[in-house]
Each structure stands twice: as C-alpha cells, then as structure tokens.
Amino acid sequence: MTTDFHALEQALARGAEQNIGQYRLDLATSRWWWSPETYRMHGFEPGEVVPTTELIFAHKHPDDRDRARTMLEEACRTGEPFSSVHRIMDAHGKQRSLVIVGQGRRDRDTGEVSELMGYFIDITRTVKAHAQEQTRRDIQASAATRGPIEQAKGIVTGALGVDPEESFQMLKRASNDQNVPLRDLSRLVVDEASCGRASAEHVTNLLT
C-alpha cells in the first residue's frame, strides 16, 4: 500500500501513543474495508458493523463533517495524496481526534481512480496532552499578569482610601484613558511604590 508517508510521519511525530488503523475504499462498489484498529477507533469491535460512507460521516464531528466530505470527494476525483485532522464521536459518545492520510489507486486499463487506501491515526491522547499543557501555560500567564494588578489594587486602595473594587475600576479607566495595557500600568504603580512613591498625590498623578 502506498500513501503520503510524509503526512504519516508528521502525524506520528505528534506523540508516541498512537493507534494506527488501515482502510480501503473500493469506488466501484462503495465498499469499505477496515482493519481491527479502525473499528476500535470508532467504538466497535471488528466485524460488529459494516463500514459505509454514511456510517463514517455519521460519526464525524458536526463541525468537521463538511470539510471531511469535501476532502473525500476531492480524493475520489483526483486520487492525489491527502491528509487531514478530523474529530469523530465514537459509538460510545467519546470524542476522538484522528489524522486521516491516504491516496488513490488508478485502474491500469482505464486510468480512472478505482480505490482509496490509507491510514486512520488516533491522536486523541496527544491532542489532549497539548491542550492540557496550553491550559497550564495560560493559567501561568494569567497568574503572572494578575500578580502586578492585584498589587497595584492594594497600593491604590491604601493610598486613596477606597475599596479594592473601586481601585480596580480606577486602574482600568486610567489604562483606557492613557492607552496603556492594564498590566503595564499596574507594574508602573508597583515600581513607583517600591521606590517609596506611594503617596495619595503621586498615585493620583499616575492614574490621571
């Protein structure tokens, strides 16, 4: 079986814990063949169902279904190598992310595309791990940003004798009026206070 091995290598490079299944589609009969791994990716035991194009699209995530259909139609027409990432909902309602790679085979006599063949690669674990890592980074970035803001709120509260919520609103208004990011303005307030310049007059000047 020949296919787009560059796309396959890229998919495998996403992580070590990948399940790989094979498929084949006979265009003359519209019959699919799935390897046991491909059945299991879709939540079935091997031979439990008859794989069909309708079944495949029924399991595609609604947001990815049209894109997947366009890809299949193009592959059937041209036989060119293809690869794409689609989400599916398996037979148990679990969302999975699959890389699909493959290409067409042409009939020797007619030259027409007669078959599609390739691989399904389950990258669900890798996608989840990447999402968790991105969430962790976002939380860290948020914490790094919130730190100076919370400190600046405390400085404004102490210097001007207002409550923390009003301090925050004052910082936001000053940020908008001065066209300065809130985190940058907050760091300026904190830096000034650390230099002993945290009087009511000085803080007011920073915010106006």
Protein backbone atom coordinates (compact mmCIF):
# COMPACT_ATOMS: atom_id res chain seq x y z
CA MET A 1 0.00 0.00 0.00
CA THR A 2 1.42 3.38 -0.99
CA THR A 3 0.34 6.61 0.63
CA ASP A 4 1.54 10.05 1.68
CA PHE A 5 4.28 8.92 4.03
CA HIS A 6 5.38 12.48 4.77
CA ALA A 7 1.94 13.22 6.22
CA LEU A 8 2.08 9.93 8.08
CA GLU A 9 5.45 10.79 9.60
CA GLN A 10 4.14 14.19 10.67
CA ALA A 11 1.18 12.56 12.39
CA LEU A 12 3.36 10.02 14.17
CA ALA A 13 5.68 12.81 15.31
CA ARG A 14 2.82 14.24 17.36
CA GLY A 15 3.35 11.64 20.03
CA ALA A 16 4.36 8.07 20.79
CA GLU A 17 0.98 6.76 21.95
CA GLN A 18 -0.79 6.49 18.63
CA ASN A 19 -3.21 3.83 17.42
CA ILE A 20 -2.95 3.27 13.68
CA GLY A 21 -5.64 1.60 11.59
CA GLN A 22 -5.88 0.94 7.88
CA TYR A 23 -8.77 1.45 5.49
CA ARG A 24 -9.56 0.80 1.87
CA LEU A 25 -12.48 2.06 -0.23
CA ASP A 26 -13.50 0.39 -3.48
CA LEU A 27 -15.01 3.22 -5.52
CA ALA A 28 -16.85 0.92 -7.93
CA THR A 29 -18.82 -0.78 -5.15
CA SER A 30 -18.54 1.92 -2.40
CA ARG A 31 -17.41 -0.86 -0.07
CA TRP A 32 -15.04 -0.06 2.78
CA TRP A 33 -12.54 -2.38 4.40
CA TRP A 34 -11.33 -1.55 7.91
CA SER A 35 -8.55 -3.11 9.92
CA PRO A 36 -9.43 -4.16 13.51
CA GLU A 37 -7.77 -0.99 14.85
CA THR A 38 -10.00 1.22 12.71
CA TYR A 39 -13.12 -0.50 14.04
CA ARG A 40 -11.97 0.11 17.61
CA MET A 41 -11.20 3.78 16.94
CA HIS A 42 -14.86 4.18 16.01
CA GLY A 43 -16.02 2.34 19.13
CA PHE A 44 -16.83 -1.01 17.52
CA GLU A 45 -15.44 -4.50 17.74
CA PRO A 46 -14.02 -5.83 14.46
CA GLY A 47 -16.86 -7.00 12.24
CA GLU A 48 -19.55 -5.62 14.54
CA VAL A 49 -20.84 -3.27 11.84
CA VAL A 50 -20.45 -2.94 8.09
CA PRO A 51 -18.38 0.20 7.45
CA THR A 52 -20.03 2.52 4.95
CA THR A 53 -19.53 6.10 3.86
CA GLU A 54 -22.79 7.03 5.61
CA LEU A 55 -21.57 5.43 8.85
CA ILE A 56 -18.28 7.29 8.65
CA PHE A 57 -19.93 10.66 8.20
CA ALA A 58 -22.48 9.91 10.91
CA HIS A 59 -19.58 9.67 13.35
CA LYS A 60 -17.79 12.80 12.16
CA HIS A 61 -17.97 15.79 14.48
CA PRO A 62 -20.66 18.15 13.06
CA ASP A 63 -18.16 20.99 12.77
CA ASP A 64 -15.77 18.82 10.72
CA ARG A 65 -18.28 16.89 8.61
CA ASP A 66 -18.45 19.21 5.59
CA ARG A 67 -14.67 19.55 5.44
CA ALA A 68 -14.26 15.77 5.60
CA ARG A 69 -16.84 15.27 2.87
CA THR A 70 -15.09 17.77 0.61
CA MET A 71 -11.77 16.02 1.20
CA LEU A 72 -13.22 12.61 0.34
CA GLU A 73 -14.89 13.87 -2.83
CA GLU A 74 -11.65 15.51 -3.96
CA ALA A 75 -9.64 12.37 -3.22
CA CYS A 76 -12.09 10.19 -5.18
CA ARG A 77 -11.88 12.58 -8.12
CA THR A 78 -8.13 13.14 -8.28
CA GLY A 79 -6.55 10.22 -6.43
CA GLU A 80 -3.92 12.63 -5.12
CA PRO A 81 -2.32 12.05 -1.69
CA PHE A 82 -4.27 13.72 1.12
CA SER A 83 -4.12 14.21 4.85
CA SER A 84 -6.35 15.93 7.35
CA VAL A 85 -7.27 16.03 11.03
CA HIS A 86 -10.90 15.39 11.93
CA ARG A 87 -12.81 14.83 15.13
CA ILE A 88 -15.23 11.95 15.46
CA MET A 89 -17.75 10.80 18.05
CA ASP A 90 -17.28 7.08 18.53
CA ALA A 91 -20.06 4.57 19.17
CA HIS A 92 -19.81 5.28 22.93
CA GLY A 93 -20.13 9.06 22.54
CA LYS A 94 -16.44 9.73 23.15
CA GLN A 95 -14.80 12.42 21.05
CA ARG A 96 -11.62 11.38 19.31
CA SER A 97 -9.18 13.24 17.06
CA LEU A 98 -7.99 11.31 14.01
CA VAL A 99 -5.42 12.03 11.35
CA ILE A 100 -6.53 10.61 8.01
CA VAL A 101 -3.90 10.05 5.34
CA GLY A 102 -4.11 8.22 2.06
CA GLN A 103 -4.20 8.36 -1.71
CA GLY A 104 -5.95 6.83 -4.67
CA ARG A 105 -5.04 3.89 -6.88
CA ARG A 106 -5.85 4.04 -10.58
CA ASP A 107 -7.14 1.23 -12.74
CA ARG A 108 -4.41 0.12 -15.16
CA ASP A 109 -6.81 -0.20 -18.06
CA THR A 110 -8.96 2.90 -17.70
CA GLY A 111 -6.68 5.21 -15.75
CA GLU A 112 -9.62 6.11 -13.52
CA VAL A 113 -9.29 6.29 -9.74
CA SER A 114 -10.62 2.94 -8.55
CA GLU A 115 -9.64 2.77 -4.91
CA LEU A 116 -8.66 4.87 -1.93
CA MET A 117 -6.37 3.44 0.71
CA GLY A 118 -4.54 4.76 3.71
CA TYR A 119 -4.49 5.09 7.47
CA PHE A 120 -6.51 6.43 10.39
CA ILE A 121 -4.23 7.60 13.19
CA ASP A 122 -5.79 8.23 16.60
CA ILE A 123 -4.07 11.27 18.13
CA THR A 124 -6.66 11.88 20.87
CA ARG A 125 -4.18 11.47 23.72
CA THR A 126 -1.66 13.75 22.07
CA VAL A 127 -4.25 16.47 21.40
CA LYS A 128 -5.49 16.22 24.98
CA ALA A 129 -1.95 16.45 26.35
CA HIS A 130 -1.23 19.50 24.20
CA ALA A 131 -4.50 21.13 25.32
CA GLN A 132 -3.66 20.50 28.98
CA GLU A 133 -0.20 21.95 28.50
CA GLN A 134 -1.64 25.02 26.79
CA THR A 135 -4.16 25.44 29.61
CA ARG A 136 -1.32 25.26 32.14
CA ARG A 137 0.61 27.91 30.25
CA ASP A 138 -2.47 30.12 30.00
CA ILE A 139 -3.03 29.83 33.75
CA GLN A 140 0.58 30.68 34.44
CA ALA A 141 0.42 33.66 32.09
CA SER A 142 -2.79 34.81 33.72
CA ALA A 143 -1.25 34.47 37.18
CA ALA A 144 1.81 36.42 36.08
CA THR A 145 -0.44 39.17 34.76
CA ARG A 146 -2.81 39.22 37.71
CA GLY A 147 0.03 39.49 40.24
CA PRO A 148 1.01 43.11 39.44
CA ILE A 149 -2.64 44.08 39.02
CA GLU A 150 -3.54 42.76 42.47
CA GLN A 151 -0.51 44.51 43.95
CA ALA A 152 -1.43 47.76 42.24
CA LYS A 153 -5.01 47.46 43.54
CA GLY A 154 -3.61 47.16 47.05
CA ILE A 155 -1.41 50.22 46.60
CA VAL A 156 -4.25 52.33 45.22
CA THR A 157 -6.56 51.12 48.00
CA GLY A 158 -4.07 52.07 50.68
CA ALA A 159 -3.05 55.39 49.16
CA LEU A 160 -6.51 56.70 48.29
CA GLY A 161 -8.62 55.01 50.95
CA VAL A 162 -11.01 53.34 48.51
CA ASP A 163 -12.23 49.74 48.38
CA PRO A 164 -10.43 47.17 46.15
CA GLU A 165 -13.17 47.08 43.52
CA GLU A 166 -13.08 50.85 43.13
CA SER A 167 -9.27 50.68 42.92
CA PHE A 168 -9.55 48.17 40.10
CA GLN A 169 -12.03 50.35 38.23
CA MET A 170 -9.70 53.34 38.62
CA LEU A 171 -6.82 51.33 37.18
CA LYS A 172 -8.98 50.19 34.25
CA ARG A 173 -10.12 53.75 33.49
CA ALA A 174 -6.55 55.01 33.63
CA SER A 175 -5.45 52.17 31.36
CA ASN A 176 -8.11 53.11 28.80
CA ASP A 177 -7.52 56.86 29.07
CA GLN A 178 -3.75 56.53 28.73
CA ASN A 179 -3.95 53.76 26.13
CA VAL A 180 -1.60 51.65 28.22
CA PRO A 181 -2.17 47.93 28.90
CA LEU A 182 -3.54 47.37 32.39
CA ARG A 183 -0.67 45.06 33.35
CA ASP A 184 1.92 47.68 32.27
CA LEU A 185 0.21 50.46 34.21
CA SER A 186 -0.04 48.20 37.24
CA ARG A 187 3.68 47.38 37.07
CA LEU A 188 4.42 51.12 36.94
CA VAL A 189 2.34 51.70 40.07
CA VAL A 190 4.10 48.83 41.85
CA ASP A 191 7.55 50.05 40.75
CA GLU A 192 6.82 53.57 41.95
CA ALA A 193 5.57 52.29 45.29
CA SER A 194 8.68 50.15 45.71
CA CYS A 195 10.72 53.33 45.32
CA GLY A 196 8.79 54.98 48.13
CA ARG A 197 6.49 56.99 45.89
CA ALA A 198 3.09 55.77 47.04
CA SER A 199 1.52 58.94 48.41
CA ALA A 200 -2.06 59.78 47.53
CA GLU A 201 -0.88 62.65 45.33
CA HIS A 202 1.67 60.54 43.44
CA VAL A 203 -0.73 57.65 42.89
CA THR A 204 -3.40 60.06 41.68
CA ASN A 205 -0.94 61.55 39.20
CA LEU A 206 -0.12 58.08 37.87
CA LEU A 207 -3.80 57.44 37.23
CA THR A 208 -4.58 60.73 35.50
